[in-house]
C-alpha atoms as a PDB file:
ATOM      1  CA  MET A   1      16.300  89.620  -4.461  1.00  0.00           C
ATOM      2  CA  HIS A   2      17.620  86.283  -5.618  1.00  0.00           C
ATOM      3  CA  VAL A   3      16.101  83.126  -7.115  1.00  0.00           C
ATOM      4  CA  PRO A   4      14.536  81.206  -4.197  1.00  0.00           C
ATOM      5  CA  GLU A   5      16.817  78.352  -3.041  1.00  0.00           C
ATOM      6  CA  GLU A   6      14.294  75.562  -3.869  1.00  0.00           C
ATOM      7  CA  ILE A   7      13.943  76.924  -7.269  1.00  0.00           C
ATOM      8  CA  ALA A   8      17.617  77.273  -7.747  1.00  0.00           C
ATOM      9  CA  SER A   9      18.237  73.630  -6.755  1.00  0.00           C
ATOM     10  CA  GLU A  10      15.365  72.529  -9.136  1.00  0.00           C
ATOM     11  CA  LEU A  11      17.012  74.475 -12.029  1.00  0.00           C
ATOM     12  CA  VAL A  12      20.483  73.140 -11.367  1.00  0.00           C
ATOM     13  CA  ARG A  13      19.034  69.558 -11.492  1.00  0.00           C
ATOM     14  CA  LYS A  14      17.941  70.330 -15.079  1.00  0.00           C
ATOM     15  CA  ILE A  15      21.559  70.850 -16.186  1.00  0.00           C
ATOM     16  CA  PRO A  16      22.773  67.795 -18.092  1.00  0.00           C
ATOM     17  CA  GLN A  17      25.004  65.645 -16.040  1.00  0.00           C
ATOM     18  CA  LYS A  18      27.774  65.640 -18.714  1.00  0.00           C
ATOM     19  CA  ILE A  19      27.906  69.466 -18.607  1.00  0.00           C
ATOM     20  CA  ILE A  20      28.135  69.362 -14.745  1.00  0.00           C
ATOM     21  CA  ASN A  21      30.963  66.715 -14.994  1.00  0.00           C
ATOM     22  CA  SER A  22      32.967  68.923 -17.204  1.00  0.00           C
ATOM     23  CA  ASP A  23      33.725  71.007 -14.112  1.00  0.00           C
ATOM     24  CA  LYS A  24      33.698  74.240 -16.080  1.00  0.00           C
ATOM     25  CA  THR A  25      31.615  76.781 -14.236  1.00  0.00           C
ATOM     26  CA  GLU A  26      31.121  79.042 -17.244  1.00  0.00           C
ATOM     27  CA  ILE A  27      29.753  76.251 -19.397  1.00  0.00           C
ATOM     28  CA  CYS A  28      27.346  75.254 -16.539  1.00  0.00           C
ATOM     29  CA  TRP A  29      26.244  78.781 -16.075  1.00  0.00           C
ATOM     30  CA  ASN A  30      25.535  79.239 -19.712  1.00  0.00           C
ATOM     31  CA  SER A  31      23.540  75.883 -19.776  1.00  0.00           C
ATOM     32  CA  LEU A  32      21.529  77.234 -16.843  1.00  0.00           C
ATOM     33  CA  MET A  33      20.770  80.482 -18.612  1.00  0.00           C
ATOM     34  CA  GLU A  34      19.544  78.554 -21.581  1.00  0.00           C
ATOM     35  CA  ILE A  35      17.303  76.436 -19.396  1.00  0.00           C
ATOM     36  CA  LEU A  36      15.851  79.568 -17.647  1.00  0.00           C
ATOM     37  CA  SER A  37      15.271  81.272 -20.870  1.00  0.00           C
ATOM     38  CA  GLU A  38      13.271  78.342 -22.269  1.00  0.00           C
ATOM     39  CA  LEU A  39      11.286  77.995 -19.028  1.00  0.00           C
ATOM     40  CA  LEU A  40      10.256  81.721 -19.076  1.00  0.00           C
ATOM     41  CA  GLY A  41       9.462  81.842 -22.772  1.00  0.00           C
ATOM     42  CA  PRO A  42       9.316  84.871 -25.041  1.00  0.00           C
ATOM     43  CA  GLY A  43       6.711  87.529 -24.541  1.00  0.00           C
ATOM     44  CA  GLU A  44       3.436  87.263 -26.323  1.00  0.00           C
ATOM     45  CA  PRO A  45       1.731  90.291 -28.015  1.00  0.00           C
ATOM     46  CA  VAL A  46      -1.808  91.130 -27.576  1.00  0.00           C
ATOM     47  CA  LYS A  47      -3.942  88.837 -29.704  1.00  0.00           C
ATOM     48  CA  MET A  48      -6.247  91.126 -31.654  1.00  0.00           C
ATOM     49  CA  ALA A  49      -9.813  90.042 -32.111  1.00  0.00           C
ATOM     50  CA  ALA A  50     -10.876  89.139 -35.679  1.00  0.00           C
ATOM     51  CA  SER A  51     -13.762  91.652 -35.424  1.00  0.00           C
ATOM     52  CA  GLY A  52     -14.880  94.202 -32.957  1.00  0.00           C
ATOM     53  CA  PRO A  53     -12.772  95.829 -30.169  1.00  0.00           C
ATOM     54  CA  THR A  54      -9.989  93.946 -28.328  1.00  0.00           C
ATOM     55  CA  VAL A  55     -10.021  94.770 -24.649  1.00  0.00           C
ATOM     56  CA  VAL A  56      -6.865  94.538 -22.500  1.00  0.00           C
ATOM     57  CA  MET A  57      -6.938  95.211 -18.831  1.00  0.00           C
ATOM     58  CA  LEU A  58      -3.912  96.016 -16.646  1.00  0.00           C
ATOM     59  CA  VAL A  59      -4.111  95.011 -12.961  1.00  0.00           C
ATOM     60  CA  GLY A  60      -1.482  94.863 -10.195  1.00  0.00           C
ATOM     61  CA  PRO A  61      -0.222  96.168  -6.823  1.00  0.00           C
ATOM     62  CA  THR A  62      -0.121  99.810  -6.008  1.00  0.00           C
ATOM     63  CA  GLY A  63       2.971 101.426  -7.541  1.00  0.00           C
ATOM     64  CA  SER A  64       3.650  98.735 -10.028  1.00  0.00           C
ATOM     65  CA  GLY A  65       3.532 101.043 -13.055  1.00  0.00           C
ATOM     66  CA  LYS A  66       0.220 100.253 -14.584  1.00  0.00           C
ATOM     67  CA  SER A  67      -0.567 103.723 -15.901  1.00  0.00           C
ATOM     68  CA  SER A  68       2.900 104.093 -17.494  1.00  0.00           C
ATOM     69  CA  ALA A  69       2.583 100.590 -18.969  1.00  0.00           C
ATOM     70  CA  ALA A  70      -0.940 101.462 -20.285  1.00  0.00           C
ATOM     71  CA  ALA A  71       0.475 104.616 -21.958  1.00  0.00           C
ATOM     72  CA  ARG A  72       3.351 102.726 -23.562  1.00  0.00           C
ATOM     73  CA  LEU A  73       1.026  99.930 -24.761  1.00  0.00           C
ATOM     74  CA  ALA A  74      -1.094 102.585 -26.258  1.00  0.00           C
ATOM     75  CA  PHE A  75       1.961 104.238 -27.917  1.00  0.00           C
ATOM     76  CA  LYS A  76       3.054 100.937 -29.405  1.00  0.00           C
ATOM     77  CA  TYR A  77      -0.297  99.849 -30.870  1.00  0.00           C
ATOM     78  CA  SER A  78      -1.298 103.260 -31.978  1.00  0.00           C
ATOM     79  CA  LEU A  79       1.826 104.873 -33.441  1.00  0.00           C
ATOM     80  CA  GLU A  80       3.843 101.860 -34.267  1.00  0.00           C
ATOM     81  CA  GLU A  81       1.265  99.350 -35.407  1.00  0.00           C
ATOM     82  CA  ASN A  82      -1.419 101.745 -36.558  1.00  0.00           C
ATOM     83  CA  HIS A  83      -4.388 100.422 -34.617  1.00  0.00           C
ATOM     84  CA  VAL A  84      -7.197 102.479 -33.316  1.00  0.00           C
ATOM     85  CA  VAL A  85      -6.465 102.740 -29.546  1.00  0.00           C
ATOM     86  CA  SER A  86      -8.624 103.931 -26.673  1.00  0.00           C
ATOM     87  CA  LEU A  87      -7.328 104.454 -23.073  1.00  0.00           C
ATOM     88  CA  VAL A  88      -9.590 104.013 -20.108  1.00  0.00           C
ATOM     89  CA  THR A  89      -8.859 104.311 -16.438  1.00  0.00           C
ATOM     90  CA  THR A  90     -10.926 103.190 -13.498  1.00  0.00           C
ATOM     91  CA  ASP A  91      -8.265 104.903 -11.072  1.00  0.00           C
ATOM     92  CA  THR A  92     -10.187 107.970 -10.362  1.00  0.00           C
ATOM     93  CA  PHE A  93      -8.992 108.168  -6.685  1.00  0.00           C
ATOM     94  CA  ARG A  94      -5.637 109.567  -7.635  1.00  0.00           C
ATOM     95  CA  ALA A  95      -6.125 112.743  -9.561  1.00  0.00           C
ATOM     96  CA  ASP A  96      -2.430 112.931 -10.618  1.00  0.00           C
ATOM     97  CA  SER A  97      -2.699 109.485 -12.263  1.00  0.00           C
ATOM     98  CA  LYS A  98      -5.845 110.377 -14.267  1.00  0.00           C
ATOM     99  CA  GLU A  99      -4.366 113.708 -15.335  1.00  0.00           C
ATOM    100  CA  GLN A 100      -1.108 112.096 -16.438  1.00  0.00           C
ATOM    101  CA  LEU A 101      -2.728 109.396 -18.436  1.00  0.00           C
ATOM    102  CA  ALA A 102      -5.010 111.949 -20.018  1.00  0.00           C
ATOM    103  CA  SER A 103      -2.019 114.081 -20.987  1.00  0.00           C
ATOM    104  CA  LEU A 104      -0.244 111.077 -22.400  1.00  0.00           C
ATOM    105  CA  ALA A 105      -3.341 109.957 -24.414  1.00  0.00           C
ATOM    106  CA  ASN A 106      -3.371 113.532 -25.928  1.00  0.00           C
ATOM    107  CA  VAL A 107       0.349 113.097 -26.866  1.00  0.00           C
ATOM    108  CA  ILE A 108      -0.320 109.740 -28.486  1.00  0.00           C
ATOM    109  CA  GLY A 109      -3.472 110.943 -30.186  1.00  0.00           C
ATOM    110  CA  CYS A 110      -5.940 108.335 -28.698  1.00  0.00           C
ATOM    111  CA  SER A 111      -9.150 108.840 -26.856  1.00  0.00           C
ATOM    112  CA  PHE A 112      -9.236 108.827 -23.071  1.00  0.00           C
ATOM    113  CA  THR A 113     -12.101 108.186 -20.675  1.00  0.00           C
ATOM    114  CA  ALA A 114     -12.126 107.945 -16.795  1.00  0.00           C
ATOM    115  CA  VAL A 115     -14.923 105.947 -15.156  1.00  0.00           C
ATOM    116  CA  SER A 116     -15.610 105.456 -11.449  1.00  0.00           C
ATOM    117  CA  SER A 117     -17.910 102.491 -11.353  1.00  0.00           C
ATOM    118  CA  PRO A 118     -18.594  99.077 -13.011  1.00  0.00           C
ATOM    119  CA  GLN A 119     -21.861 100.365 -14.275  1.00  0.00           C
ATOM    120  CA  GLU A 120     -20.079 103.206 -16.090  1.00  0.00           C
ATOM    121  CA  LEU A 121     -17.520 100.878 -17.467  1.00  0.00           C
ATOM    122  CA  THR A 122     -20.048  98.411 -18.842  1.00  0.00           C
ATOM    123  CA  ALA A 123     -21.764 101.293 -20.619  1.00  0.00           C
ATOM    124  CA  LEU A 124     -18.578 102.584 -22.037  1.00  0.00           C
ATOM    125  CA  MET A 125     -17.488  99.264 -23.368  1.00  0.00           C
ATOM    126  CA  LYS A 126     -20.610  99.131 -25.592  1.00  0.00           C
ATOM    127  CA  THR A 127     -19.445 102.222 -27.314  1.00  0.00           C
ATOM    128  CA  PHE A 128     -16.223 100.776 -28.758  1.00  0.00           C
ATOM    129  CA  LYS A 129     -16.614  99.190 -32.172  1.00  0.00           C
ATOM    130  CA  GLU A 130     -12.970  98.530 -33.164  1.00  0.00           C
ATOM    131  CA  GLY A 131      -9.317  98.655 -32.210  1.00  0.00           C
ATOM    132  CA  LEU A 132      -7.570  98.214 -28.986  1.00  0.00           C
ATOM    133  CA  VAL A 133      -9.178  99.209 -25.726  1.00  0.00           C
ATOM    134  CA  ILE A 134      -6.620  99.470 -22.782  1.00  0.00           C
ATOM    135  CA  VAL A 135      -8.122  99.657 -19.389  1.00  0.00           C
ATOM    136  CA  ASP A 136      -5.906 100.949 -16.550  1.00  0.00           C
ATOM    137  CA  THR A 137      -7.039 100.100 -12.981  1.00  0.00           C
ATOM    138  CA  SER A 138      -6.473 101.119  -9.391  1.00  0.00           C
ATOM    139  CA  GLY A 139      -3.730  99.568  -7.422  1.00  0.00           C
ATOM    140  CA  VAL A 140      -4.607  96.643  -5.184  1.00  0.00           C
ATOM    141  CA  CYS A 141      -3.810  96.522  -1.487  1.00  0.00           C
ATOM    142  CA  GLY A 142      -6.411  94.581   0.429  1.00  0.00           C
ATOM    143  CA  PRO A 143      -9.570  92.486   0.325  1.00  0.00           C
ATOM    144  CA  GLN A 144     -11.864  95.454  -0.506  1.00  0.00           C
ATOM    145  CA  ASP A 145      -9.645  96.301  -3.469  1.00  0.00           C
ATOM    146  CA  SER A 146      -9.956  92.711  -4.600  1.00  0.00           C
ATOM    147  CA  GLU A 147     -13.710  92.992  -4.648  1.00  0.00           C
ATOM    148  CA  ASP A 148     -13.665  96.289  -6.442  1.00  0.00           C
ATOM    149  CA  LEU A 149     -11.230  95.115  -9.046  1.00  0.00           C
ATOM    150  CA  ALA A 150     -13.116  91.899  -9.612  1.00  0.00           C
ATOM    151  CA  ALA A 151     -16.230  93.960 -10.258  1.00  0.00           C
ATOM    152  CA  MET A 152     -14.385  96.162 -12.806  1.00  0.00           C
ATOM    153  CA  VAL A 153     -12.921  93.203 -14.579  1.00  0.00           C
ATOM    154  CA  ASN A 154     -16.435  91.647 -14.921  1.00  0.00           C
ATOM    155  CA  ALA A 155     -17.768  94.954 -16.290  1.00  0.00           C
ATOM    156  CA  ALA A 156     -15.071  95.224 -18.836  1.00  0.00           C
ATOM    157  CA  SER A 157     -15.153  91.560 -20.031  1.00  0.00           C
ATOM    158  CA  PRO A 158     -11.456  91.832 -21.201  1.00  0.00           C
ATOM    159  CA  HIS A 159     -10.000  89.536 -23.779  1.00  0.00           C
ATOM    160  CA  GLU A 160      -6.701  89.556 -21.850  1.00  0.00           C
ATOM    161  CA  VAL A 161      -5.784  90.588 -18.334  1.00  0.00           C
ATOM    162  CA  HIS A 162      -2.120  91.483 -17.920  1.00  0.00           C
ATOM    163  CA  LEU A 163      -0.678  91.447 -14.397  1.00  0.00           C
ATOM    164  CA  THR A 164       1.643  94.373 -14.105  1.00  0.00           C
ATOM    165  CA  VAL A 165       4.696  93.775 -11.696  1.00  0.00           C
ATOM    166  CA  PRO A 166       7.902  95.586 -10.936  1.00  0.00           C
ATOM    167  CA  ALA A 167      11.000  93.490 -11.629  1.00  0.00           C
ATOM    168  CA  ASP A 168      12.064  93.499  -8.016  1.00  0.00           C
ATOM    169  CA  LEU A 169       8.788  91.971  -6.744  1.00  0.00           C
ATOM    170  CA  SER A 170       9.489  88.866  -4.606  1.00  0.00           C
ATOM    171  CA  ALA A 171       8.360  85.440  -5.698  1.00  0.00           C
ATOM    172  CA  ALA A 172       6.170  85.107  -2.635  1.00  0.00           C
ATOM    173  CA  ASP A 173       4.457  88.415  -3.207  1.00  0.00           C
ATOM    174  CA  LEU A 174       3.753  87.652  -6.840  1.00  0.00           C
ATOM    175  CA  ALA A 175       2.474  84.158  -5.994  1.00  0.00           C
ATOM    176  CA  ASP A 176       0.250  85.531  -3.215  1.00  0.00           C
ATOM    177  CA  PHE A 177      -1.258  88.170  -5.498  1.00  0.00           C
ATOM    178  CA  ILE A 178      -2.135  85.563  -8.163  1.00  0.00           C
ATOM    179  CA  ARG A 179      -3.582  83.206  -5.507  1.00  0.00           C
ATOM    180  CA  ASN A 180      -5.546  85.973  -3.752  1.00  0.00           C
ATOM    181  CA  TYR A 181      -6.969  87.356  -6.941  1.00  0.00           C
ATOM    182  CA  SER A 182      -7.439  84.038  -8.950  1.00  0.00           C
ATOM    183  CA  GLU A 183     -11.070  85.084  -9.661  1.00  0.00           C
ATOM    184  CA  ILE A 184      -9.672  87.880 -11.797  1.00  0.00           C
ATOM    185  CA  GLY A 185      -8.051  85.451 -14.211  1.00  0.00           C
ATOM    186  CA  VAL A 186      -4.527  86.727 -15.093  1.00  0.00           C
ATOM    187  CA  ASP A 187      -3.546  85.733 -18.559  1.00  0.00           C
ATOM    188  CA  LYS A 188      -0.038  87.265 -18.865  1.00  0.00           C
ATOM    189  CA  VAL A 189       2.536  89.113 -16.841  1.00  0.00           C
ATOM    190  CA  LEU A 190       3.909  92.546 -17.866  1.00  0.00           C
ATOM    191  CA  VAL A 191       7.285  93.314 -16.128  1.00  0.00           C
ATOM    192  CA  THR A 192       8.067  96.860 -15.366  1.00  0.00           C
ATOM    193  CA  LYS A 193      10.813  99.004 -13.722  1.00  0.00           C
ATOM    194  CA  LEU A 194      13.645  96.755 -15.112  1.00  0.00           C
ATOM    195  CA  ASP A 195      15.939  99.830 -14.938  1.00  0.00           C
ATOM    196  CA  GLN A 196      15.465 100.175 -11.181  1.00  0.00           C
ATOM    197  CA  THR A 197      16.915  96.785 -10.114  1.00  0.00           C
ATOM    198  CA  ILE A 198      19.542  94.311 -10.894  1.00  0.00           C
ATOM    199  CA  TYR A 199      17.742  91.500  -9.206  1.00  0.00           C
ATOM    200  CA  ARG A 200      15.180  89.416 -11.042  1.00  0.00           C
ATOM    201  CA  GLY A 201      14.975  86.266  -8.842  1.00  0.00           C
ATOM    202  CA  GLY A 202      11.376  86.937  -7.488  1.00  0.00           C
ATOM    203  CA  ILE A 203      10.010  87.023 -11.077  1.00  0.00           C
ATOM    204  CA  ILE A 204      11.972  83.939 -12.134  1.00  0.00           C
ATOM    205  CA  GLY A 205      10.983  82.018  -9.056  1.00  0.00           C
ATOM    206  CA  ALA A 206       7.351  82.742  -9.459  1.00  0.00           C
ATOM    207  CA  ALA A 207       7.383  82.043 -13.164  1.00  0.00           C
ATOM    208  CA  VAL A 208       8.988  78.684 -12.726  1.00  0.00           C
ATOM    209  CA  ARG A 209       6.740  77.686  -9.922  1.00  0.00           C
ATOM    210  CA  LEU A 210       3.484  78.932 -11.475  1.00  0.00           C
ATOM    211  CA  GLY A 211       4.070  78.506 -15.145  1.00  0.00           C
ATOM    212  CA  LEU A 212       3.416  82.140 -15.905  1.00  0.00           C
ATOM    213  CA  LYS A 213       3.250  83.612 -19.569  1.00  0.00           C
ATOM    214  CA  PHE A 214       4.745  87.012 -20.239  1.00  0.00           C
ATOM    215  CA  SER A 215       3.741  89.826 -22.526  1.00  0.00           C
ATOM    216  CA  PHE A 216       5.825  92.966 -22.452  1.00  0.00           C
ATOM    217  CA  GLU A 217       8.621  94.566 -20.406  1.00  0.00           C
ATOM    218  CA  SER A 218       9.485  98.175 -19.573  1.00  0.00           C
ATOM    219  CA  ALA A 219      12.723  99.616 -18.527  1.00  0.00           C
ATOM    220  CA  SER A 220      12.432 103.279 -18.556  1.00  0.00           C
ATOM    221  CA  ARG A 221      10.250 106.273 -17.405  1.00  0.00           C
ATOM    222  CA  GLU A 222      10.015 108.107 -20.678  1.00  0.00           C
ATOM    223  CA  LEU A 223       7.411 107.579 -23.328  1.00  0.00           C
ATOM    224  CA  PRO A 224       7.734 105.392 -25.274  1.00  0.00           C
ATOM    225  CA  GLY A 225      11.119 104.562 -23.642  1.00  0.00           C
ATOM    226  CA  LYS A 226      12.404 101.031 -23.509  1.00  0.00           C
ATOM    227  CA  PHE A 227       9.280  99.010 -23.970  1.00  0.00           C
ATOM    228  CA  GLY A 228       8.707  95.854 -25.973  1.00  0.00           C
ATOM    229  CA  LEU A 229       7.973  92.110 -25.869  1.00  0.00           C
ATOM    230  CA  PHE A 230       9.509  90.382 -22.874  1.00  0.00           C
ATOM    231  CA  ASN A 231      12.894  88.968 -23.800  1.00  0.00           C
ATOM    232  CA  PRO A 232      13.794  86.059 -21.581  1.00  0.00           C
ATOM    233  CA  VAL A 233      17.396  85.891 -22.734  1.00  0.00           C
ATOM    234  CA  ALA A 234      18.082  89.415 -21.879  1.00  0.00           C
ATOM    235  CA  PHE A 235      16.099  89.097 -18.661  1.00  0.00           C
ATOM    236  CA  VAL A 236      18.152  86.169 -17.270  1.00  0.00           C
ATOM    237  CA  SER A 237      21.504  87.559 -18.607  1.00  0.00           C
ATOM    238  CA  ASN A 238      21.214  90.533 -16.180  1.00  0.00           C
ATOM    239  CA  ILE A 239      20.942  88.354 -13.046  1.00  0.00           C
ATOM    240  CA  LYS A 240      23.475  89.578 -10.581  1.00  0.00           C
ATOM    241  CA  SER A 241      24.939  88.226  -7.363  1.00  0.00           C
ATOM    242  CA  VAL A 242      23.371  84.880  -7.777  1.00  0.00           C
ATOM    243  CA  LYS A 243      25.762  82.714  -9.806  1.00  0.00           C
ATOM    244  CA  GLU A 244      27.864  81.424  -6.883  1.00  0.00           C
ATOM    245  CA  ARG A 245      24.744  80.888  -4.708  1.00  0.00           C
ATOM    246  CA  ILE A 246      23.024  78.758  -7.386  1.00  0.00           C
ATOM    247  CA  PHE A 247      26.054  76.501  -7.872  1.00  0.00           C
ATOM    248  CA  THR A 248      26.419  75.878  -4.157  1.00  0.00           C
ATOM    249  CA  ALA A 249      22.902  74.589  -4.081  1.00  0.00           C
ATOM    250  CA  GLN A 250      24.018  71.349  -5.680  1.00  0.00           C
ATOM    251  CA  ASP A 251      26.420  70.466  -2.833  1.00  0.00           C
END
């Protein structure tokens, strides 16, 4: 998937005229990459609360890699940054997902709890006194899922909601998700599956159009694997099969 044409045209118009007049494609391309990197911005880490627990909730479409991202986030903040970390999942419909996350929590050395209702989640949240609480959620597919997810978000009262999206998600699908679930209040975007696609235009298009903020990125299936703060320079440098199309947009 490539950068949407209207976004491509908008980005090209941001290139200084003197660079375009130089008639050197590589210089123009490099300028465009700098503009894109600045528009996307660097990933922001979790802002830990001054006191009490910090609650981060991961939401997103089915199959977007929320559980894997939750485990990687737990690994980072528990083993790399020495925070007390607790993993929670509301995805009790898929036994394999719950068991996998429980197993990963055991490897990391953090607590793990599965809850099946907003009432259970509210009660559980009251037991946490410190550290980082990471809440994994069920995948969202339709209107009923939206209502269920909103109820879980209200029950958790998270400090941050991270929308987990695969790198190849289209700009339209990402924009629709954010519009359809605006009541959830997405704070940041966590990009997954960077190793499974060379196309990043959908994420770029939606980010430019909606002014999204990023948190982390994931590019492997192993734990901890390639996981860290979103790197806009690296992200845009891997755009493939789009250079020629972008520059024809100015004609």
